[in-house]
């Protein structure tokens, strides 16, 4: 089953700031790319780079920046192929941002038919 792993920057929840010297994400990526469990992943630019698109009352609304006002923001994502949720949780729990942010793991909802 495929899972989306959202990496969320959460300055209020961090036990400590993320430190690439202590938490090299490259090691985590190499390990899970090598195992075949990580299918893809990318860092995302900060929320200021976002463009929000909505349709309301037949009108297209385009806004610079994120839609919500929050200190948290999605910093990146990874797509995992795991046997089950337990395996996805085990992999996510070893990501360096699990100590300095929040990781949301969500299964894909496959199209039927």
PDB file of N, CA and C in Angstrom:
ATOM      1  N   UNK A   1       0.843  -1.176   0.000  1.00  0.00           N
ATOM      2  CA  UNK A   1       0.000   0.000   0.000  1.00  0.00           C
ATOM      3  C   UNK A   1       0.887   1.237   0.000  1.00  0.00           C
ATOM      4  N   UNK A   2       0.459   2.262  -0.736  1.00  0.00           N
ATOM      5  CA  UNK A   2       1.206   3.509  -0.787  1.00  0.00           C
ATOM      6  C   UNK A   2       0.731   4.448   0.318  1.00  0.00           C
ATOM      7  N   UNK A   3       1.711   5.154   0.896  1.00  0.00           N
ATOM      8  CA  UNK A   3       1.446   6.141   1.936  1.00  0.00           C
ATOM      9  C   UNK A   3       2.137   7.442   1.576  1.00  0.00           C
ATOM     10  N   UNK A   4       1.450   8.546   1.829  1.00  0.00           N
ATOM     11  CA  UNK A   4       2.053   9.869   1.703  1.00  0.00           C
ATOM     12  C   UNK A   4       2.535  10.254   3.093  1.00  0.00           C
ATOM     13  N   UNK A   5       3.770  10.642   3.166  1.00  0.00           N
ATOM     14  CA  UNK A   5       4.358  11.089   4.421  1.00  0.00           C
ATOM     15  C   UNK A   5       4.589  12.589   4.290  1.00  0.00           C
ATOM     16  N   UNK A   6       3.810  13.393   4.997  1.00  0.00           N
ATOM     17  CA  UNK A   6       3.958  14.838   4.954  1.00  0.00           C
ATOM     18  C   UNK A   6       4.886  15.275   6.081  1.00  0.00           C
ATOM     19  N   UNK A   7       5.915  16.019   5.720  1.00  0.00           N
ATOM     20  CA  UNK A   7       6.876  16.520   6.688  1.00  0.00           C
ATOM     21  C   UNK A   7       6.448  17.942   7.042  1.00  0.00           C
ATOM     22  N   UNK A   8       6.081  18.161   8.300  1.00  0.00           N
ATOM     23  CA  UNK A   8       5.536  19.443   8.724  1.00  0.00           C
ATOM     24  C   UNK A   8       6.505  20.128   9.675  1.00  0.00           C
ATOM     25  N   UNK A   9       6.876  21.345   9.321  1.00  0.00           N
ATOM     26  CA  UNK A   9       7.684  22.168  10.206  1.00  0.00           C
ATOM     27  C   UNK A   9       6.769  22.656  11.321  1.00  0.00           C
ATOM     28  N   UNK A  10       7.140  22.400  12.554  1.00  0.00           N
ATOM     29  CA  UNK A  10       6.291  22.751  13.685  1.00  0.00           C
ATOM     30  C   UNK A  10       7.171  23.334  14.782  1.00  0.00           C
ATOM     31  N   UNK A  11       7.447  24.638  14.745  1.00  0.00           N
ATOM     32  CA  UNK A  11       8.363  25.227  15.712  1.00  0.00           C
ATOM     33  C   UNK A  11       7.894  25.102  17.156  1.00  0.00           C
ATOM     34  N   UNK A  12       6.607  25.009  17.396  1.00  0.00           N
ATOM     35  CA  UNK A  12       6.108  24.891  18.763  1.00  0.00           C
ATOM     36  C   UNK A  12       6.256  23.483  19.332  1.00  0.00           C
ATOM     37  N   UNK A  13       6.323  22.473  18.487  1.00  0.00           N
ATOM     38  CA  UNK A  13       6.363  21.092  18.954  1.00  0.00           C
ATOM     39  C   UNK A  13       7.774  20.527  19.013  1.00  0.00           C
ATOM     40  N   UNK A  14       8.735  21.254  18.529  1.00  0.00           N
ATOM     41  CA  UNK A  14      10.091  20.723  18.438  1.00  0.00           C
ATOM     42  C   UNK A  14      10.736  20.588  19.810  1.00  0.00           C
ATOM     43  N   UNK A  15      11.297  19.400  20.068  1.00  0.00           N
ATOM     44  CA  UNK A  15      12.114  19.206  21.259  1.00  0.00           C
ATOM     45  C   UNK A  15      13.381  20.039  21.135  1.00  0.00           C
ATOM     46  N   UNK A  16      13.815  20.181  19.919  1.00  0.00           N
ATOM     47  CA  UNK A  16      15.007  20.961  19.607  1.00  0.00           C
ATOM     48  C   UNK A  16      14.933  21.342  18.135  1.00  0.00           C
ATOM     49  N   UNK A  17      15.632  22.388  17.736  1.00  0.00           N
ATOM     50  CA  UNK A  17      15.619  22.745  16.314  1.00  0.00           C
ATOM     51  C   UNK A  17      16.246  21.643  15.473  1.00  0.00           C
ATOM     52  N   UNK A  18      15.809  21.536  14.241  1.00  0.00           N
ATOM     53  CA  UNK A  18      16.398  20.576  13.326  1.00  0.00           C
ATOM     54  C   UNK A  18      17.832  20.995  13.029  1.00  0.00           C
ATOM     55  N   UNK A  19      18.740  20.050  13.104  1.00  0.00           N
ATOM     56  CA  UNK A  19      20.153  20.318  12.852  1.00  0.00           C
ATOM     57  C   UNK A  19      20.662  19.294  11.851  1.00  0.00           C
ATOM     58  N   UNK A  20      20.890  19.704  10.594  1.00  0.00           N
ATOM     59  CA  UNK A  20      21.344  18.750   9.573  1.00  0.00           C
ATOM     60  C   UNK A  20      22.627  18.021   9.948  1.00  0.00           C
ATOM     61  N   UNK A  21      23.464  18.631  10.776  1.00  0.00           N
ATOM     62  CA  UNK A  21      24.701  17.970  11.196  1.00  0.00           C
ATOM     63  C   UNK A  21      24.407  16.791  12.119  1.00  0.00           C
ATOM     64  N   UNK A  22      23.357  16.903  12.917  1.00  0.00           N
ATOM     65  CA  UNK A  22      22.987  15.836  13.856  1.00  0.00           C
ATOM     66  C   UNK A  22      21.997  14.869  13.216  1.00  0.00           C
ATOM     67  N   UNK A  23      21.117  15.391  12.394  1.00  0.00           N
ATOM     68  CA  UNK A  23      20.058  14.605  11.767  1.00  0.00           C
ATOM     69  C   UNK A  23      20.207  14.641  10.244  1.00  0.00           C
ATOM     70  N   UNK A  24      21.187  13.943   9.705  1.00  0.00           N
ATOM     71  CA  UNK A  24      21.365  14.006   8.246  1.00  0.00           C
ATOM     72  C   UNK A  24      20.260  13.253   7.510  1.00  0.00           C
ATOM     73  N   UNK A  25      19.372  13.994   6.880  1.00  0.00           N
ATOM     74  CA  UNK A  25      18.251  13.384   6.170  1.00  0.00           C
ATOM     75  C   UNK A  25      18.755  12.531   5.010  1.00  0.00           C
ATOM     76  N   UNK A  26      19.939  12.838   4.501  1.00  0.00           N
ATOM     77  CA  UNK A  26      20.494  12.062   3.387  1.00  0.00           C
ATOM     78  C   UNK A  26      20.647  10.591   3.755  1.00  0.00           C
ATOM     79  N   UNK A  27      21.034  10.302   5.020  1.00  0.00           N
ATOM     80  CA  UNK A  27      21.180   8.920   5.469  1.00  0.00           C
ATOM     81  C   UNK A  27      19.826   8.205   5.463  1.00  0.00           C
ATOM     82  N   UNK A  28      18.791   8.892   5.943  1.00  0.00           N
ATOM     83  CA  UNK A  28      17.443   8.324   5.970  1.00  0.00           C
ATOM     84  C   UNK A  28      16.973   8.046   4.541  1.00  0.00           C
ATOM     85  N   UNK A  29      17.189   9.007   3.642  1.00  0.00           N
ATOM     86  CA  UNK A  29      16.776   8.849   2.243  1.00  0.00           C
ATOM     87  C   UNK A  29      17.502   7.662   1.610  1.00  0.00           C
ATOM     88  N   UNK A  30      18.810   7.599   1.780  1.00  0.00           N
ATOM     89  CA  UNK A  30      19.591   6.509   1.174  1.00  0.00           C
ATOM     90  C   UNK A  30      19.128   5.151   1.683  1.00  0.00           C
ATOM     91  N   UNK A  31      18.869   5.051   2.974  1.00  0.00           N
ATOM     92  CA  UNK A  31      18.430   3.777   3.555  1.00  0.00           C
ATOM     93  C   UNK A  31      17.101   3.318   2.946  1.00  0.00           C
ATOM     94  N   UNK A  32      16.142   4.220   2.864  1.00  0.00           N
ATOM     95  CA  UNK A  32      14.804   3.818   2.425  1.00  0.00           C
ATOM     96  C   UNK A  32      14.663   3.790   0.903  1.00  0.00           C
ATOM     97  N   UNK A  33      15.503   4.541   0.197  1.00  0.00           N
ATOM     98  CA  UNK A  33      15.572   4.369  -1.253  1.00  0.00           C
ATOM     99  C   UNK A  33      16.153   2.993  -1.561  1.00  0.00           C
ATOM    100  N   UNK A  34      17.194   2.630  -0.820  1.00  0.00           N
ATOM    101  CA  UNK A  34      17.849   1.338  -1.027  1.00  0.00           C
ATOM    102  C   UNK A  34      16.956   0.160  -0.727  1.00  0.00           C
ATOM    103  N   UNK A  35      16.052   0.322   0.240  1.00  0.00           N
ATOM    104  CA  UNK A  35      15.147  -0.779   0.593  1.00  0.00           C
ATOM    105  C   UNK A  35      13.969  -0.877  -0.372  1.00  0.00           C
ATOM    106  N   UNK A  36      13.777   0.156  -1.200  1.00  0.00           N
ATOM    107  CA  UNK A  36      12.648   0.184  -2.121  1.00  0.00           C
ATOM    108  C   UNK A  36      11.356   0.672  -1.480  1.00  0.00           C
ATOM    109  N   UNK A  37      11.403   1.067  -0.217  1.00  0.00           N
ATOM    110  CA  UNK A  37      10.195   1.525   0.480  1.00  0.00           C
ATOM    111  C   UNK A  37       9.866   2.977   0.164  1.00  0.00           C
ATOM    112  N   UNK A  38      10.884   3.793  -0.122  1.00  0.00           N
ATOM    113  CA  UNK A  38      10.664   5.201  -0.478  1.00  0.00           C
ATOM    114  C   UNK A  38      10.642   5.316  -1.991  1.00  0.00           C
ATOM    115  N   UNK A  39       9.491   5.723  -2.537  1.00  0.00           N
ATOM    116  CA  UNK A  39       9.326   5.814  -3.981  1.00  0.00           C
ATOM    117  C   UNK A  39       9.699   7.181  -4.529  1.00  0.00           C
ATOM    118  N   UNK A  40       9.452   8.228  -3.749  1.00  0.00           N
ATOM    119  CA  UNK A  40       9.739   9.585  -4.184  1.00  0.00           C
ATOM    120  C   UNK A  40       9.704  10.491  -2.969  1.00  0.00           C
ATOM    121  N   UNK A  41      10.247  11.662  -3.103  1.00  0.00           N
ATOM    122  CA  UNK A  41      10.205  12.646  -2.035  1.00  0.00           C
ATOM    123  C   UNK A  41      10.905  13.915  -2.470  1.00  0.00           C
ATOM    124  N   UNK A  42      10.441  15.025  -1.934  1.00  0.00           N
ATOM    125  CA  UNK A  42      11.024  16.323  -2.269  1.00  0.00           C
ATOM    126  C   UNK A  42      10.845  17.284  -1.111  1.00  0.00           C
ATOM    127  N   UNK A  43      11.766  18.231  -1.015  1.00  0.00           N
ATOM    128  CA  UNK A  43      11.571  19.361  -0.111  1.00  0.00           C
ATOM    129  C   UNK A  43      10.686  20.364  -0.841  1.00  0.00           C
ATOM    130  N   UNK A  44       9.976  21.169  -0.083  1.00  0.00           N
ATOM    131  CA  UNK A  44       9.130  22.209  -0.666  1.00  0.00           C
ATOM    132  C   UNK A  44       9.643  23.573  -0.221  1.00  0.00           C
ATOM    133  N   UNK A  45       9.453  24.552  -1.079  1.00  0.00           N
ATOM    134  CA  UNK A  45       9.829  25.914  -0.722  1.00  0.00           C
ATOM    135  C   UNK A  45       8.901  26.413   0.395  1.00  0.00           C
ATOM    136  N   UNK A  46       9.292  27.479   1.097  1.00  0.00           N
ATOM    137  CA  UNK A  46       8.477  27.994   2.211  1.00  0.00           C
ATOM    138  C   UNK A  46       7.093  28.461   1.761  1.00  0.00           C
ATOM    139  N   UNK A  47       6.182  28.624   2.711  1.00  0.00           N
ATOM    140  CA  UNK A  47       4.799  29.011   2.393  1.00  0.00           C
ATOM    141  C   UNK A  47       4.696  30.296   1.579  1.00  0.00           C
ATOM    142  N   UNK A  48       5.646  31.202   1.735  1.00  0.00           N
ATOM    143  CA  UNK A  48       5.597  32.448   0.980  1.00  0.00           C
ATOM    144  C   UNK A  48       5.643  32.189  -0.529  1.00  0.00           C
ATOM    145  N   UNK A  49       6.137  31.020  -0.932  1.00  0.00           N
ATOM    146  CA  UNK A  49       6.221  30.667  -2.351  1.00  0.00           C
ATOM    147  C   UNK A  49       4.934  30.052  -2.879  1.00  0.00           C
ATOM    148  N   UNK A  50       3.971  29.814  -2.001  1.00  0.00           N
ATOM    149  CA  UNK A  50       2.734  29.120  -2.383  1.00  0.00           C
ATOM    150  C   UNK A  50       1.787  30.037  -3.153  1.00  0.00           C
ATOM    151  N   UNK A  51       0.972  29.422  -3.966  1.00  0.00           N
ATOM    152  CA  UNK A  51      -0.155  30.070  -4.612  1.00  0.00           C
ATOM    153  C   UNK A  51      -1.382  29.227  -4.284  1.00  0.00           C
ATOM    154  N   UNK A  52      -2.400  29.858  -3.747  1.00  0.00           N
ATOM    155  CA  UNK A  52      -3.617  29.151  -3.352  1.00  0.00           C
ATOM    156  C   UNK A  52      -4.701  29.409  -4.398  1.00  0.00           C
ATOM    157  N   UNK A  53      -5.333  28.341  -4.850  1.00  0.00           N
ATOM    158  CA  UNK A  53      -6.382  28.423  -5.875  1.00  0.00           C
ATOM    159  C   UNK A  53      -7.685  27.897  -5.285  1.00  0.00           C
ATOM    160  N   UNK A  54      -8.746  28.678  -5.433  1.00  0.00           N
ATOM    161  CA  UNK A  54     -10.074  28.274  -4.960  1.00  0.00           C
ATOM    162  C   UNK A  54     -11.116  28.721  -5.967  1.00  0.00           C
ATOM    163  N   UNK A  55     -12.221  27.997  -6.023  1.00  0.00           N
ATOM    164  CA  UNK A  55     -13.399  28.426  -6.779  1.00  0.00           C
ATOM    165  C   UNK A  55     -14.517  28.646  -5.773  1.00  0.00           C
ATOM    166  N   UNK A  56     -15.086  29.832  -5.811  1.00  0.00           N
ATOM    167  CA  UNK A  56     -16.184  30.168  -4.913  1.00  0.00           C
ATOM    168  C   UNK A  56     -17.230  30.941  -5.705  1.00  0.00           C
ATOM    169  N   UNK A  57     -18.459  30.442  -5.706  1.00  0.00           N
ATOM    170  CA  UNK A  57     -19.539  31.131  -6.407  1.00  0.00           C
ATOM    171  C   UNK A  57     -19.245  31.333  -7.885  1.00  0.00           C
ATOM    172  N   UNK A  58     -18.589  30.361  -8.506  1.00  0.00           N
ATOM    173  CA  UNK A  58     -18.269  30.451  -9.920  1.00  0.00           C
ATOM    174  C   UNK A  58     -17.081  31.352 -10.240  1.00  0.00           C
ATOM    175  N   UNK A  59     -16.452  31.906  -9.207  1.00  0.00           N
ATOM    176  CA  UNK A  59     -15.317  32.809  -9.416  1.00  0.00           C
ATOM    177  C   UNK A  59     -14.019  32.103  -9.019  1.00  0.00           C
ATOM    178  N   UNK A  60     -12.996  32.297  -9.833  1.00  0.00           N
ATOM    179  CA  UNK A  60     -11.687  31.751  -9.542  1.00  0.00           C
ATOM    180  C   UNK A  60     -10.920  32.751  -8.677  1.00  0.00           C
ATOM    181  N   UNK A  61     -10.473  32.294  -7.505  1.00  0.00           N
ATOM    182  CA  UNK A  61      -9.723  33.148  -6.582  1.00  0.00           C
ATOM    183  C   UNK A  61      -8.295  32.620  -6.479  1.00  0.00           C
ATOM    184  N   UNK A  62      -7.340  33.463  -6.800  1.00  0.00           N
ATOM    185  CA  UNK A  62      -5.929  33.095  -6.730  1.00  0.00           C
ATOM    186  C   UNK A  62      -5.265  34.023  -5.723  1.00  0.00           C
ATOM    187  N   UNK A  63      -4.602  33.424  -4.735  1.00  0.00           N
ATOM    188  CA  UNK A  63      -3.984  34.182  -3.662  1.00  0.00           C
ATOM    189  C   UNK A  63      -2.523  33.798  -3.536  1.00  0.00           C
ATOM    190  N   UNK A  64      -1.664  34.782  -3.365  1.00  0.00           N
ATOM    191  CA  UNK A  64      -0.265  34.486  -3.074  1.00  0.00           C
ATOM    192  C   UNK A  64      -0.157  34.011  -1.639  1.00  0.00           C
ATOM    193  N   UNK A  65       0.659  32.996  -1.423  1.00  0.00           N
ATOM    194  CA  UNK A  65       0.878  32.479  -0.075  1.00  0.00           C
ATOM    195  C   UNK A  65      -0.129  31.425   0.297  1.00  0.00           C
ATOM    196  N   UNK A  66       0.052  30.883   1.489  1.00  0.00           N
ATOM    197  CA  UNK A  66      -0.832  29.802   1.943  1.00  0.00           C
ATOM    198  C   UNK A  66      -2.213  30.329   2.323  1.00  0.00           C
ATOM    199  N   UNK A  67      -3.182  29.427   2.315  1.00  0.00           N
ATOM    200  CA  UNK A  67      -4.556  29.790   2.647  1.00  0.00           C
ATOM    201  C   UNK A  67      -4.722  29.993   4.150  1.00  0.00           C
ATOM    202  N   UNK A  68      -4.040  29.179   4.948  1.00  0.00           N
ATOM    203  CA  UNK A  68      -4.216  29.247   6.396  1.00  0.00           C
ATOM    204  C   UNK A  68      -3.137  30.109   7.040  1.00  0.00           C
ATOM    205  N   UNK A  69      -3.475  30.682   8.155  1.00  0.00           N
ATOM    206  CA  UNK A  69      -2.520  31.431   8.962  1.00  0.00           C
ATOM    207  C   UNK A  69      -2.046  30.512  10.075  1.00  0.00           C
ATOM    208  N   UNK A  70      -0.844  30.018   9.958  1.00  0.00           N
ATOM    209  CA  UNK A  70      -0.317  29.093  10.945  1.00  0.00           C
ATOM    210  C   UNK A  70       1.201  29.162  10.938  1.00  0.00           C
ATOM    211  N   UNK A  71       1.815  28.788  12.040  1.00  0.00           N
ATOM    212  CA  UNK A  71       3.279  28.731  12.087  1.00  0.00           C
ATOM    213  C   UNK A  71       3.785  27.434  11.486  1.00  0.00           C
ATOM    214  N   UNK A  72       2.926  26.410  11.468  1.00  0.00           N
ATOM    215  CA  UNK A  72       3.299  25.136  10.859  1.00  0.00           C
ATOM    216  C   UNK A  72       3.194  25.240   9.347  1.00  0.00           C
ATOM    217  N   UNK A  73       4.033  24.512   8.642  1.00  0.00           N
ATOM    218  CA  UNK A  73       3.926  24.468   7.191  1.00  0.00           C
ATOM    219  C   UNK A  73       4.532  23.182   6.683  1.00  0.00           C
ATOM    220  N   UNK A  74       4.001  22.729   5.547  1.00  0.00           N
ATOM    221  CA  UNK A  74       4.503  21.494   4.941  1.00  0.00           C
ATOM    222  C   UNK A  74       5.854  21.794   4.316  1.00  0.00           C
ATOM    223  N   UNK A  75       6.881  21.126   4.826  1.00  0.00           N
ATOM    224  CA  UNK A  75       8.255  21.369   4.376  1.00  0.00           C
ATOM    225  C   UNK A  75       8.668  20.398   3.278  1.00  0.00           C
ATOM    226  N   UNK A  76       7.960  19.282   3.158  1.00  0.00           N
ATOM    227  CA  UNK A  76       8.306  18.303   2.137  1.00  0.00           C
ATOM    228  C   UNK A  76       7.392  17.098   2.238  1.00  0.00           C
ATOM    229  N   UNK A  77       7.684  16.108   1.395  1.00  0.00           N
ATOM    230  CA  UNK A  77       6.876  14.897   1.387  1.00  0.00           C
ATOM    231  C   UNK A  77       7.726  13.729   0.930  1.00  0.00           C
ATOM    232  N   UNK A  78       7.279  12.551   1.278  1.00  0.00           N
ATOM    233  CA  UNK A  78       7.836  11.299   0.773  1.00  0.00           C
ATOM    234  C   UNK A  78       6.678  10.374   0.477  1.00  0.00           C
ATOM    235  N   UNK A  79       6.824   9.570  -0.551  1.00  0.00           N
ATOM    236  CA  UNK A  79       5.829   8.561  -0.879  1.00  0.00           C
ATOM    237  C   UNK A  79       6.459   7.209  -0.559  1.00  0.00           C
ATOM    238  N   UNK A  80       5.779   6.463   0.279  1.00  0.00           N
ATOM    239  CA  UNK A  80       6.277   5.170   0.728  1.00  0.00           C
ATOM    240  C   UNK A  80       5.430   4.048   0.155  1.00  0.00           C
ATOM    241  N   UNK A  81       6.035   2.914  -0.062  1.00  0.00           N
ATOM    242  CA  UNK A  81       5.330   1.678  -0.421  1.00  0.00           C
ATOM    243  C   UNK A  81       5.604   0.713   0.720  1.00  0.00           C
ATOM    244  N   UNK A  82       4.579   0.452   1.527  1.00  0.00           N
ATOM    245  CA  UNK A  82       4.750  -0.362   2.731  1.00  0.00           C
ATOM    246  C   UNK A  82       3.734  -1.499   2.756  1.00  0.00           C
ATOM    247  N   UNK A  83       4.052  -2.506   3.548  1.00  0.00           N
ATOM    248  CA  UNK A  83       3.138  -3.637   3.689  1.00  0.00           C
ATOM    249  C   UNK A  83       1.874  -3.237   4.439  1.00  0.00           C
ATOM    250  N   UNK A  84       2.027  -2.314   5.413  1.00  0.00           N
ATOM    251  CA  UNK A  84       0.884  -1.899   6.221  1.00  0.00           C
ATOM    252  C   UNK A  84       1.231  -0.604   6.948  1.00  0.00           C
ATOM    253  N   UNK A  85       0.263  -0.070   7.684  1.00  0.00           N
ATOM    254  CA  UNK A  85       0.445   1.175   8.413  1.00  0.00           C
ATOM    255  C   UNK A  85       1.555   1.061   9.447  1.00  0.00           C
ATOM    256  N   UNK A  86       1.669  -0.073  10.106  1.00  0.00           N
ATOM    257  CA  UNK A  86       2.723  -0.248  11.108  1.00  0.00           C
ATOM    258  C   UNK A  86       4.108  -0.044  10.503  1.00  0.00           C
ATOM    259  N   UNK A  87       4.318  -0.576   9.306  1.00  0.00           N
ATOM    260  CA  UNK A  87       5.605  -0.395   8.651  1.00  0.00           C
ATOM    261  C   UNK A  87       5.814   1.071   8.270  1.00  0.00           C
ATOM    262  N   UNK A  88       4.780   1.728   7.777  1.00  0.00           N
ATOM    263  CA  UNK A  88       4.889   3.145   7.422  1.00  0.00           C
ATOM    264  C   UNK A  88       5.222   3.984   8.657  1.00  0.00           C
ATOM    265  N   UNK A  89       4.615   3.679   9.781  1.00  0.00           N
ATOM    266  CA  UNK A  89       4.896   4.393  11.025  1.00  0.00           C
ATOM    267  C   UNK A  89       6.337   4.151  11.464  1.00  0.00           C
ATOM    268  N   UNK A  90       6.786   2.921  11.359  1.00  0.00           N
ATOM    269  CA  UNK A  90       8.167   2.604  11.749  1.00  0.00           C
ATOM    270  C   UNK A  90       9.169   3.390  10.912  1.00  0.00           C
ATOM    271  N   UNK A  91       8.929   3.492   9.617  1.00  0.00           N
ATOM    272  CA  UNK A  91       9.825   4.248   8.736  1.00  0.00           C
ATOM    273  C   UNK A  91       9.742   5.742   9.061  1.00  0.00           C
ATOM    274  N   UNK A  92       8.541   6.272   9.207  1.00  0.00           N
ATOM    275  CA  UNK A  92       8.364   7.698   9.499  1.00  0.00           C
ATOM    276  C   UNK A  92       8.998   8.080  10.832  1.00  0.00           C
ATOM    277  N   UNK A  93       8.940   7.190  11.789  1.00  0.00           N
ATOM    278  CA  UNK A  93       9.458   7.514  13.122  1.00  0.00           C
ATOM    279  C   UNK A  93      10.968   7.685  13.155  1.00  0.00           C
ATOM    280  N   UNK A  94      11.651   7.193  12.116  1.00  0.00           N
ATOM    281  CA  UNK A  94      13.107   7.349  12.071  1.00  0.00           C
ATOM    282  C   UNK A  94      13.544   8.551  11.246  1.00  0.00           C
ATOM    283  N   UNK A  95      12.587   9.265  10.627  1.00  0.00           N
ATOM    284  CA  UNK A  95      12.931  10.455   9.848  1.00  0.00           C
ATOM    285  C   UNK A  95      13.429  11.540  10.811  1.00  0.00           C
ATOM    286  N   UNK A  96      14.501  12.255  10.473  1.00  0.00           N
ATOM    287  CA  UNK A  96      15.019  13.284  11.365  1.00  0.00           C
ATOM    288  C   UNK A  96      13.994  14.330  11.783  1.00  0.00           C
ATOM    289  N   UNK A  97      13.036  14.659  10.929  1.00  0.00           N
ATOM    290  CA  UNK A  97      12.050  15.677  11.299  1.00  0.00           C
ATOM    291  C   UNK A  97      11.027  15.171  12.313  1.00  0.00           C
ATOM    292  N   UNK A  98      11.033  13.887  12.635  1.00  0.00           N
ATOM    293  CA  UNK A  98      10.116  13.414  13.675  1.00  0.00           C
ATOM    294  C   UNK A  98      10.514  13.983  15.036  1.00  0.00           C
ATOM    295  N   UNK A  99      11.766  14.417  15.192  1.00  0.00           N
ATOM    296  CA  UNK A  99      12.229  15.005  16.447  1.00  0.00           C
ATOM    297  C   UNK A  99      12.110  16.525  16.449  1.00  0.00           C
ATOM    298  N   UNK A 100      12.020  17.134  15.279  1.00  0.00           N
ATOM    299  CA  UNK A 100      12.026  18.595  15.201  1.00  0.00           C
ATOM    300  C   UNK A 100      10.784  19.156  14.527  1.00  0.00           C
ATOM    301  N   UNK A 101       9.845  18.312  14.211  1.00  0.00           N
ATOM    302  CA  UNK A 101       8.616  18.752  13.545  1.00  0.00           C
ATOM    303  C   UNK A 101       7.528  17.724  13.768  1.00  0.00           C
ATOM    304  N   UNK A 102       6.683  17.579  12.788  1.00  0.00           N
ATOM    305  CA  UNK A 102       5.591  16.610  12.844  1.00  0.00           C
ATOM    306  C   UNK A 102       5.562  15.879  11.514  1.00  0.00           C
ATOM    307  N   UNK A 103       5.289  14.589  11.560  1.00  0.00           N
ATOM    308  CA  UNK A 103       5.143  13.811  10.340  1.00  0.00           C
ATOM    309  C   UNK A 103       3.751  13.218  10.320  1.00  0.00           C
ATOM    310  N   UNK A 104       3.049  13.469   9.230  1.00  0.00           N
ATOM    311  CA  UNK A 104       1.723  12.891   9.031  1.00  0.00           C
ATOM    312  C   UNK A 104       1.846  11.792   7.983  1.00  0.00           C
ATOM    313  N   UNK A 105       1.350  10.619   8.313  1.00  0.00           N
ATOM    314  CA  UNK A 105       1.347   9.490   7.377  1.00  0.00           C
ATOM    315  C   UNK A 105      -0.100   9.223   6.998  1.00  0.00           C
ATOM    316  N   UNK A 106      -0.345   9.208   5.693  1.00  0.00           N
ATOM    317  CA  UNK A 106      -1.717   9.024   5.228  1.00  0.00           C
ATOM    318  C   UNK A 106      -1.729   8.051   4.044  1.00  0.00           C
ATOM    319  N   UNK A 107      -2.600   7.030   4.075  1.00  0.00           N
ATOM    320  CA  UNK A 107      -2.657   6.103   2.943  1.00  0.00           C
ATOM    321  C   UNK A 107      -3.282   6.772   1.719  1.00  0.00           C
ATOM    322  N   UNK A 108      -2.801   6.367   0.560  1.00  0.00           N
ATOM    323  CA  UNK A 108      -3.426   6.802  -0.682  1.00  0.00           C
ATOM    324  C   UNK A 108      -4.795   6.144  -0.774  1.00  0.00           C
ATOM    325  N   UNK A 109      -5.710   6.804  -1.410  1.00  0.00           N
ATOM    326  CA  UNK A 109      -7.047   6.262  -1.653  1.00  0.00           C
ATOM    327  C   UNK A 109      -7.093   5.896  -3.118  1.00  0.00           C
ATOM    328  N   UNK A 110      -6.824   4.632  -3.428  1.00  0.00           N
ATOM    329  CA  UNK A 110      -6.710   4.245  -4.843  1.00  0.00           C
ATOM    330  C   UNK A 110      -8.056   4.363  -5.559  1.00  0.00           C
ATOM    331  N   UNK A 111      -7.941   4.724  -6.835  1.00  0.00           N
ATOM    332  CA  UNK A 111      -9.139   4.755  -7.670  1.00  0.00           C
ATOM    333  C   UNK A 111      -9.595   3.332  -7.924  1.00  0.00           C
ATOM    334  N   UNK A 112     -10.892   3.130  -7.853  1.00  0.00           N
ATOM    335  CA  UNK A 112     -11.441   1.800  -8.128  1.00  0.00           C
ATOM    336  C   UNK A 112     -12.034   1.794  -9.526  1.00  0.00           C
ATOM    337  N   UNK A 113     -11.830   0.691 -10.224  1.00  0.00           N
ATOM    338  CA  UNK A 113     -12.453   0.590 -11.521  1.00  0.00           C
ATOM    339  C   UNK A 113     -11.549   0.495 -12.637  1.00  0.00           C
TER     340      UNK A 113
END
